[in-house]
Amino acid sequence: MASSWRLCVLMCALLSACSGGREVDHPAGPATDWTSFGGSPGGGRYSAANEITPGNVHALQLAWMHRSGDFRGPPKEGVGAINGPLQQTGFGATPIVSGDTLYYCTPYNRVFALDAATGKERWVFDPHVDMSQENVPVCRGVSLWEAHGASAPCTKRIFTGTLDARLIALDAESGVACTDFGAGGTVDLNFGLTPHGSKEYSVTSPP
């Protein structure tokens, strides 16, 4: 399965330095974005990026690491353990990359925008989900939408769903909620549903 992001291509800049001074051959590109959960709207998970090959992958080293801090361990035995180990956090997101920015969400539904080359935080958005009401904390990704040819705020948006069933639109450049979407940037997906418990309806996949 040929699935690689611009992040992986950027790591190729380390190939020469990571080979103990020995030159490592690699193709010239192309660098490609990964703007959807499945690589493209059709979900094919294919990328034309080709700088990492079977012949040079041994020379890669870690370029950077980012820790969100959003962690919850399993509940103590016998203390409200409805779903047992499922209540602990686990990283399940497929990050997306557009231009030089990587976007991902955490099990607590916080959204981070990082410099794809360095891992430096550009912005973080916290929807303030009450995690005491959530049993299975997971977020599998965010989605990107862009109005081509426009330059006003929120013409490039990150959409994220939450464990308490909200759909939120964020300005991709700043992380600020797009107030022209729903009510102040948020649509309550519980609206119109029959009565249900707070743990019974969540959004865990990219919108």
C-alpha atoms as a PDB file:
ATOM      1  CA  MET A   1       0.000   0.000   0.000  1.00  0.00           C
ATOM      2  CA  ALA A   2       1.666   3.202  -1.161  1.00  0.00           C
ATOM      3  CA  SER A   3       0.608   5.685   1.516  1.00  0.00           C
ATOM      4  CA  SER A   4       3.051   8.430   2.485  1.00  0.00           C
ATOM      5  CA  TRP A   5       2.582  12.042   3.481  1.00  0.00           C
ATOM      6  CA  ARG A   6       4.554  15.200   2.969  1.00  0.00           C
ATOM      7  CA  LEU A   7       5.774  14.590   6.529  1.00  0.00           C
ATOM      8  CA  CYS A   8       7.502  11.420   5.396  1.00  0.00           C
ATOM      9  CA  VAL A   9       9.011  13.238   2.431  1.00  0.00           C
ATOM     10  CA  LEU A  10      10.333  15.960   4.717  1.00  0.00           C
ATOM     11  CA  MET A  11      12.001  13.303   6.814  1.00  0.00           C
ATOM     12  CA  CYS A  12      13.965  12.301   3.727  1.00  0.00           C
ATOM     13  CA  ALA A  13      16.003  15.467   4.163  1.00  0.00           C
ATOM     14  CA  LEU A  14      17.623  13.597   7.021  1.00  0.00           C
ATOM     15  CA  LEU A  15      18.688  10.669   4.863  1.00  0.00           C
ATOM     16  CA  SER A  16      22.219  11.878   4.192  1.00  0.00           C
ATOM     17  CA  ALA A  17      22.806  12.971   7.776  1.00  0.00           C
ATOM     18  CA  CYS A  18      21.407   9.725   9.118  1.00  0.00           C
ATOM     19  CA  SER A  19      23.704   7.477   7.113  1.00  0.00           C
ATOM     20  CA  GLY A  20      26.899   8.083   9.042  1.00  0.00           C
ATOM     21  CA  GLY A  21      28.315  10.462   6.426  1.00  0.00           C
ATOM     22  CA  ARG A  22      27.662   8.077   3.543  1.00  0.00           C
ATOM     23  CA  GLU A  23      25.607   9.576   0.728  1.00  0.00           C
ATOM     24  CA  VAL A  24      22.173   7.992   0.347  1.00  0.00           C
ATOM     25  CA  ASP A  25      20.478   7.997  -3.036  1.00  0.00           C
ATOM     26  CA  HIS A  26      16.841   9.013  -3.220  1.00  0.00           C
ATOM     27  CA  PRO A  27      14.522  10.288  -5.967  1.00  0.00           C
ATOM     28  CA  ALA A  28      13.850  14.011  -6.235  1.00  0.00           C
ATOM     29  CA  GLY A  29      10.180  13.912  -5.298  1.00  0.00           C
ATOM     30  CA  PRO A  30       7.422  14.845  -5.712  1.00  0.00           C
ATOM     31  CA  ALA A  31       6.313  16.155  -2.327  1.00  0.00           C
ATOM     32  CA  THR A  32       2.608  15.526  -1.890  1.00  0.00           C
ATOM     33  CA  ASP A  33      -0.119  16.526   0.522  1.00  0.00           C
ATOM     34  CA  TRP A  34      -2.369  14.130   2.412  1.00  0.00           C
ATOM     35  CA  THR A  35      -5.529  16.178   2.702  1.00  0.00           C
ATOM     36  CA  SER A  36      -8.075  13.454   3.484  1.00  0.00           C
ATOM     37  CA  PHE A  37      -8.308  10.587   5.951  1.00  0.00           C
ATOM     38  CA  GLY A  38      -7.882   8.163   3.053  1.00  0.00           C
ATOM     39  CA  GLY A  39      -5.434  10.322   1.116  1.00  0.00           C
ATOM     40  CA  SER A  40      -8.107  11.535  -1.316  1.00  0.00           C
ATOM     41  CA  PRO A  41     -11.903  11.936  -1.261  1.00  0.00           C
ATOM     42  CA  GLY A  42     -12.178   8.437  -2.714  1.00  0.00           C
ATOM     43  CA  GLY A  43     -10.142   6.953   0.108  1.00  0.00           C
ATOM     44  CA  GLY A  44      -7.612   5.170  -2.093  1.00  0.00           C
ATOM     45  CA  ARG A  45      -4.725   5.750   0.359  1.00  0.00           C
ATOM     46  CA  TYR A  46      -2.308   6.250  -2.529  1.00  0.00           C
ATOM     47  CA  SER A  47       0.446   8.838  -2.734  1.00  0.00           C
ATOM     48  CA  ALA A  48       2.851   9.652  -5.554  1.00  0.00           C
ATOM     49  CA  ALA A  49       5.565  10.559  -3.029  1.00  0.00           C
ATOM     50  CA  ASN A  50       8.613   8.412  -3.797  1.00  0.00           C
ATOM     51  CA  GLU A  51      11.641   9.716  -1.878  1.00  0.00           C
ATOM     52  CA  ILE A  52      11.532   6.901   0.686  1.00  0.00           C
ATOM     53  CA  THR A  53      12.453   3.611  -0.991  1.00  0.00           C
ATOM     54  CA  PRO A  54      13.407   0.081   0.107  1.00  0.00           C
ATOM     55  CA  GLY A  55      16.999   1.069  -0.645  1.00  0.00           C
ATOM     56  CA  ASN A  56      17.185   4.078   1.675  1.00  0.00           C
ATOM     57  CA  VAL A  57      14.583   3.502   4.374  1.00  0.00           C
ATOM     58  CA  HIS A  58      17.300   2.133   6.671  1.00  0.00           C
ATOM     59  CA  ALA A  59      18.844   5.619   6.882  1.00  0.00           C
ATOM     60  CA  LEU A  60      15.755   7.343   8.344  1.00  0.00           C
ATOM     61  CA  GLN A  61      15.787   8.746  11.840  1.00  0.00           C
ATOM     62  CA  LEU A  62      13.104  10.364  13.946  1.00  0.00           C
ATOM     63  CA  ALA A  63      12.639  13.961  12.762  1.00  0.00           C
ATOM     64  CA  TRP A  64      10.481  15.153  15.682  1.00  0.00           C
ATOM     65  CA  MET A  65       7.920  14.012  18.241  1.00  0.00           C
ATOM     66  CA  HIS A  66       4.806  15.753  19.524  1.00  0.00           C
ATOM     67  CA  ARG A  67       2.993  14.860  22.745  1.00  0.00           C
ATOM     68  CA  SER A  68      -0.514  16.226  23.285  1.00  0.00           C
ATOM     69  CA  GLY A  69      -0.706  15.260  26.955  1.00  0.00           C
ATOM     70  CA  ASP A  70      -4.228  13.885  26.455  1.00  0.00           C
ATOM     71  CA  PHE A  71      -3.971  10.570  28.272  1.00  0.00           C
ATOM     72  CA  ARG A  72      -6.222   8.512  30.508  1.00  0.00           C
ATOM     73  CA  GLY A  73      -5.308   5.129  31.901  1.00  0.00           C
ATOM     74  CA  PRO A  74      -7.686   2.200  32.435  1.00  0.00           C
ATOM     75  CA  PRO A  75     -10.061   2.495  35.410  1.00  0.00           C
ATOM     76  CA  LYS A  76      -9.183   0.862  38.670  1.00  0.00           C
ATOM     77  CA  GLU A  77     -10.738  -2.554  38.987  1.00  0.00           C
ATOM     78  CA  GLY A  78     -14.290  -2.366  40.253  1.00  0.00           C
ATOM     79  CA  VAL A  79     -14.496   1.442  40.125  1.00  0.00           C
ATOM     80  CA  GLY A  80     -17.081   2.329  37.470  1.00  0.00           C
ATOM     81  CA  ALA A  81     -15.369   0.121  34.923  1.00  0.00           C
ATOM     82  CA  ILE A  82     -18.249  -0.065  32.430  1.00  0.00           C
ATOM     83  CA  ASN A  83     -16.041  -0.851  29.443  1.00  0.00           C
ATOM     84  CA  GLY A  84     -12.882  -1.778  31.329  1.00  0.00           C
ATOM     85  CA  PRO A  85      -9.696  -1.191  29.306  1.00  0.00           C
ATOM     86  CA  LEU A  86     -11.707   0.494  26.519  1.00  0.00           C
ATOM     87  CA  GLN A  87     -12.019   3.539  28.773  1.00  0.00           C
ATOM     88  CA  GLN A  88      -8.295   4.275  28.480  1.00  0.00           C
ATOM     89  CA  THR A  89      -7.042   6.522  25.720  1.00  0.00           C
ATOM     90  CA  GLY A  90      -5.375   5.264  22.564  1.00  0.00           C
ATOM     91  CA  PHE A  91      -4.045   7.224  19.611  1.00  0.00           C
ATOM     92  CA  GLY A  92      -6.184   6.348  16.582  1.00  0.00           C
ATOM     93  CA  ALA A  93      -5.914   9.414  14.349  1.00  0.00           C
ATOM     94  CA  THR A  94      -4.649   9.566  10.772  1.00  0.00           C
ATOM     95  CA  PRO A  95      -3.101  13.058  10.520  1.00  0.00           C
ATOM     96  CA  ILE A  96      -3.710  15.114   7.397  1.00  0.00           C
ATOM     97  CA  VAL A  97      -1.175  17.432   5.752  1.00  0.00           C
ATOM     98  CA  SER A  98      -1.901  20.512   3.660  1.00  0.00           C
ATOM     99  CA  GLY A  99       0.990  22.661   2.504  1.00  0.00           C
ATOM    100  CA  ASP A 100       3.418  22.851   5.396  1.00  0.00           C
ATOM    101  CA  THR A 101       0.904  22.136   8.172  1.00  0.00           C
ATOM    102  CA  LEU A 102      -0.090  18.838   9.777  1.00  0.00           C
ATOM    103  CA  TYR A 103      -3.450  18.547  11.549  1.00  0.00           C
ATOM    104  CA  TYR A 104      -4.571  15.873  13.984  1.00  0.00           C
ATOM    105  CA  CYS A 105      -6.981  15.296  16.869  1.00  0.00           C
ATOM    106  CA  THR A 106      -6.484  13.683  20.258  1.00  0.00           C
ATOM    107  CA  PRO A 107      -8.656  11.222  22.212  1.00  0.00           C
ATOM    108  CA  TYR A 108      -9.968  14.261  24.138  1.00  0.00           C
ATOM    109  CA  ASN A 109     -11.012  15.869  20.822  1.00  0.00           C
ATOM    110  CA  ARG A 110      -8.429  18.638  20.993  1.00  0.00           C
ATOM    111  CA  VAL A 111      -7.189  19.614  17.515  1.00  0.00           C
ATOM    112  CA  PHE A 112      -3.538  20.486  16.882  1.00  0.00           C
ATOM    113  CA  ALA A 113      -1.951  22.234  13.913  1.00  0.00           C
ATOM    114  CA  LEU A 114       1.792  21.572  13.683  1.00  0.00           C
ATOM    115  CA  ASP A 115       4.622  22.689  11.440  1.00  0.00           C
ATOM    116  CA  ALA A 116       5.077  19.538   9.371  1.00  0.00           C
ATOM    117  CA  ALA A 117       8.849  20.009   9.163  1.00  0.00           C
ATOM    118  CA  THR A 118       9.596  20.711  12.826  1.00  0.00           C
ATOM    119  CA  GLY A 119       6.563  19.602  14.843  1.00  0.00           C
ATOM    120  CA  LYS A 120       6.215  23.072  16.381  1.00  0.00           C
ATOM    121  CA  GLU A 121       2.664  23.886  17.481  1.00  0.00           C
ATOM    122  CA  ARG A 122       0.924  26.543  15.403  1.00  0.00           C
ATOM    123  CA  TRP A 123      -2.382  26.401  17.226  1.00  0.00           C
ATOM    124  CA  VAL A 124      -4.522  24.119  19.367  1.00  0.00           C
ATOM    125  CA  PHE A 125      -8.309  24.070  19.729  1.00  0.00           C
ATOM    126  CA  ASP A 126     -10.051  22.588  22.780  1.00  0.00           C
ATOM    127  CA  PRO A 127     -13.799  21.828  22.488  1.00  0.00           C
ATOM    128  CA  HIS A 128     -13.925  21.144  26.255  1.00  0.00           C
ATOM    129  CA  VAL A 129     -15.559  17.730  26.132  1.00  0.00           C
ATOM    130  CA  ASP A 130     -16.580  16.476  29.585  1.00  0.00           C
ATOM    131  CA  MET A 131     -14.440  13.343  29.577  1.00  0.00           C
ATOM    132  CA  SER A 132     -16.055  12.073  32.778  1.00  0.00           C
ATOM    133  CA  GLN A 133     -19.126  11.377  30.629  1.00  0.00           C
ATOM    134  CA  GLU A 134     -17.250   9.521  27.868  1.00  0.00           C
ATOM    135  CA  ASN A 135     -16.412   5.818  27.963  1.00  0.00           C
ATOM    136  CA  VAL A 136     -14.331   5.232  24.825  1.00  0.00           C
ATOM    137  CA  PRO A 137     -12.048   8.232  24.183  1.00  0.00           C
ATOM    138  CA  VAL A 138     -10.891   8.166  20.559  1.00  0.00           C
ATOM    139  CA  CYS A 139     -10.650  10.529  17.591  1.00  0.00           C
ATOM    140  CA  ARG A 140      -9.692   9.052  14.227  1.00  0.00           C
ATOM    141  CA  GLY A 141      -9.081  12.275  12.341  1.00  0.00           C
ATOM    142  CA  VAL A 142     -10.243  15.651  11.099  1.00  0.00           C
ATOM    143  CA  SER A 143     -11.343  16.822   7.649  1.00  0.00           C
ATOM    144  CA  LEU A 144     -10.218  19.692   5.433  1.00  0.00           C
ATOM    145  CA  TRP A 145     -12.368  21.904   3.184  1.00  0.00           C
ATOM    146  CA  GLU A 146     -11.104  24.773   1.073  1.00  0.00           C
ATOM    147  CA  ALA A 147     -12.758  27.444  -1.089  1.00  0.00           C
ATOM    148  CA  HIS A 148     -10.215  27.843  -3.865  1.00  0.00           C
ATOM    149  CA  GLY A 149      -9.436  31.335  -5.070  1.00  0.00           C
ATOM    150  CA  ALA A 150     -10.626  33.034  -1.870  1.00  0.00           C
ATOM    151  CA  SER A 151      -8.491  34.589   0.866  1.00  0.00           C
ATOM    152  CA  ALA A 152     -10.873  35.612   3.657  1.00  0.00           C
ATOM    153  CA  PRO A 153     -10.769  33.901   7.077  1.00  0.00           C
ATOM    154  CA  CYS A 154     -12.279  30.426   7.138  1.00  0.00           C
ATOM    155  CA  THR A 155     -11.996  29.869   3.386  1.00  0.00           C
ATOM    156  CA  LYS A 156      -9.812  26.931   4.458  1.00  0.00           C
ATOM    157  CA  ARG A 157     -11.474  24.983   7.259  1.00  0.00           C
ATOM    158  CA  ILE A 158     -10.788  22.052   9.536  1.00  0.00           C
ATOM    159  CA  PHE A 159     -13.901  20.100  10.512  1.00  0.00           C
ATOM    160  CA  THR A 160     -13.876  17.955  13.616  1.00  0.00           C
ATOM    161  CA  GLY A 161     -16.490  15.845  15.393  1.00  0.00           C
ATOM    162  CA  THR A 162     -16.632  15.367  19.145  1.00  0.00           C
ATOM    163  CA  LEU A 163     -17.448  12.599  21.582  1.00  0.00           C
ATOM    164  CA  ASP A 164     -20.431  14.620  22.817  1.00  0.00           C
ATOM    165  CA  ALA A 165     -21.815  14.789  19.250  1.00  0.00           C
ATOM    166  CA  ARG A 166     -20.868  18.242  18.006  1.00  0.00           C
ATOM    167  CA  LEU A 167     -19.584  19.188  14.545  1.00  0.00           C
ATOM    168  CA  ILE A 168     -17.152  22.112  14.651  1.00  0.00           C
ATOM    169  CA  ALA A 169     -15.619  24.219  11.863  1.00  0.00           C
ATOM    170  CA  LEU A 170     -12.237  25.879  12.504  1.00  0.00           C
ATOM    171  CA  ASP A 171     -10.182  28.324  10.484  1.00  0.00           C
ATOM    172  CA  ALA A 172      -7.251  26.203   9.270  1.00  0.00           C
ATOM    173  CA  GLU A 173      -4.807  29.097   9.622  1.00  0.00           C
ATOM    174  CA  SER A 174      -5.684  30.220  13.148  1.00  0.00           C
ATOM    175  CA  GLY A 175      -7.743  27.479  14.822  1.00  0.00           C
ATOM    176  CA  VAL A 176     -10.513  29.985  15.583  1.00  0.00           C
ATOM    177  CA  ALA A 177     -14.107  28.770  15.196  1.00  0.00           C
ATOM    178  CA  CYS A 178     -15.820  29.787  11.936  1.00  0.00           C
ATOM    179  CA  THR A 179     -18.778  31.743  13.267  1.00  0.00           C
ATOM    180  CA  ASP A 180     -20.746  31.499  10.006  1.00  0.00           C
ATOM    181  CA  PHE A 181     -21.092  27.748  10.526  1.00  0.00           C
ATOM    182  CA  GLY A 182     -23.966  26.584  12.725  1.00  0.00           C
ATOM    183  CA  ALA A 183     -24.161  28.494  15.998  1.00  0.00           C
ATOM    184  CA  GLY A 184     -20.828  30.235  16.505  1.00  0.00           C
ATOM    185  CA  GLY A 185     -18.971  27.546  14.590  1.00  0.00           C
ATOM    186  CA  THR A 186     -20.764  24.501  16.023  1.00  0.00           C
ATOM    187  CA  VAL A 187     -23.661  22.267  14.983  1.00  0.00           C
ATOM    188  CA  ASP A 188     -25.235  20.162  17.742  1.00  0.00           C
ATOM    189  CA  LEU A 189     -25.784  16.735  16.179  1.00  0.00           C
ATOM    190  CA  ASN A 190     -28.041  15.700  19.062  1.00  0.00           C
ATOM    191  CA  PHE A 191     -30.732  18.078  17.811  1.00  0.00           C
ATOM    192  CA  GLY A 192     -33.837  16.225  16.631  1.00  0.00           C
ATOM    193  CA  LEU A 193     -32.813  12.850  18.053  1.00  0.00           C
ATOM    194  CA  THR A 194     -34.931  10.842  20.444  1.00  0.00           C
ATOM    195  CA  PRO A 195     -33.815  11.002  24.103  1.00  0.00           C
ATOM    196  CA  HIS A 196     -30.549   9.174  24.717  1.00  0.00           C
ATOM    197  CA  GLY A 197     -27.742   9.012  27.240  1.00  0.00           C
ATOM    198  CA  SER A 198     -24.653  11.197  26.923  1.00  0.00           C
ATOM    199  CA  LYS A 199     -22.480   8.137  26.236  1.00  0.00           C
ATOM    200  CA  GLU A 200     -24.721   6.704  23.510  1.00  0.00           C
ATOM    201  CA  TYR A 201     -23.976   8.990  20.561  1.00  0.00           C
ATOM    202  CA  SER A 202     -20.501  10.175  19.552  1.00  0.00           C
ATOM    203  CA  VAL A 203     -18.528  11.216  16.500  1.00  0.00           C
ATOM    204  CA  THR A 204     -15.195   9.389  16.336  1.00  0.00           C
ATOM    205  CA  SER A 205     -14.405   9.401  12.584  1.00  0.00           C
ATOM    206  CA  PRO A 206     -13.388  12.321  10.365  1.00  0.00           C
ATOM    207  CA  PRO A 207     -16.518  14.258   9.310  1.00  0.00           C
END
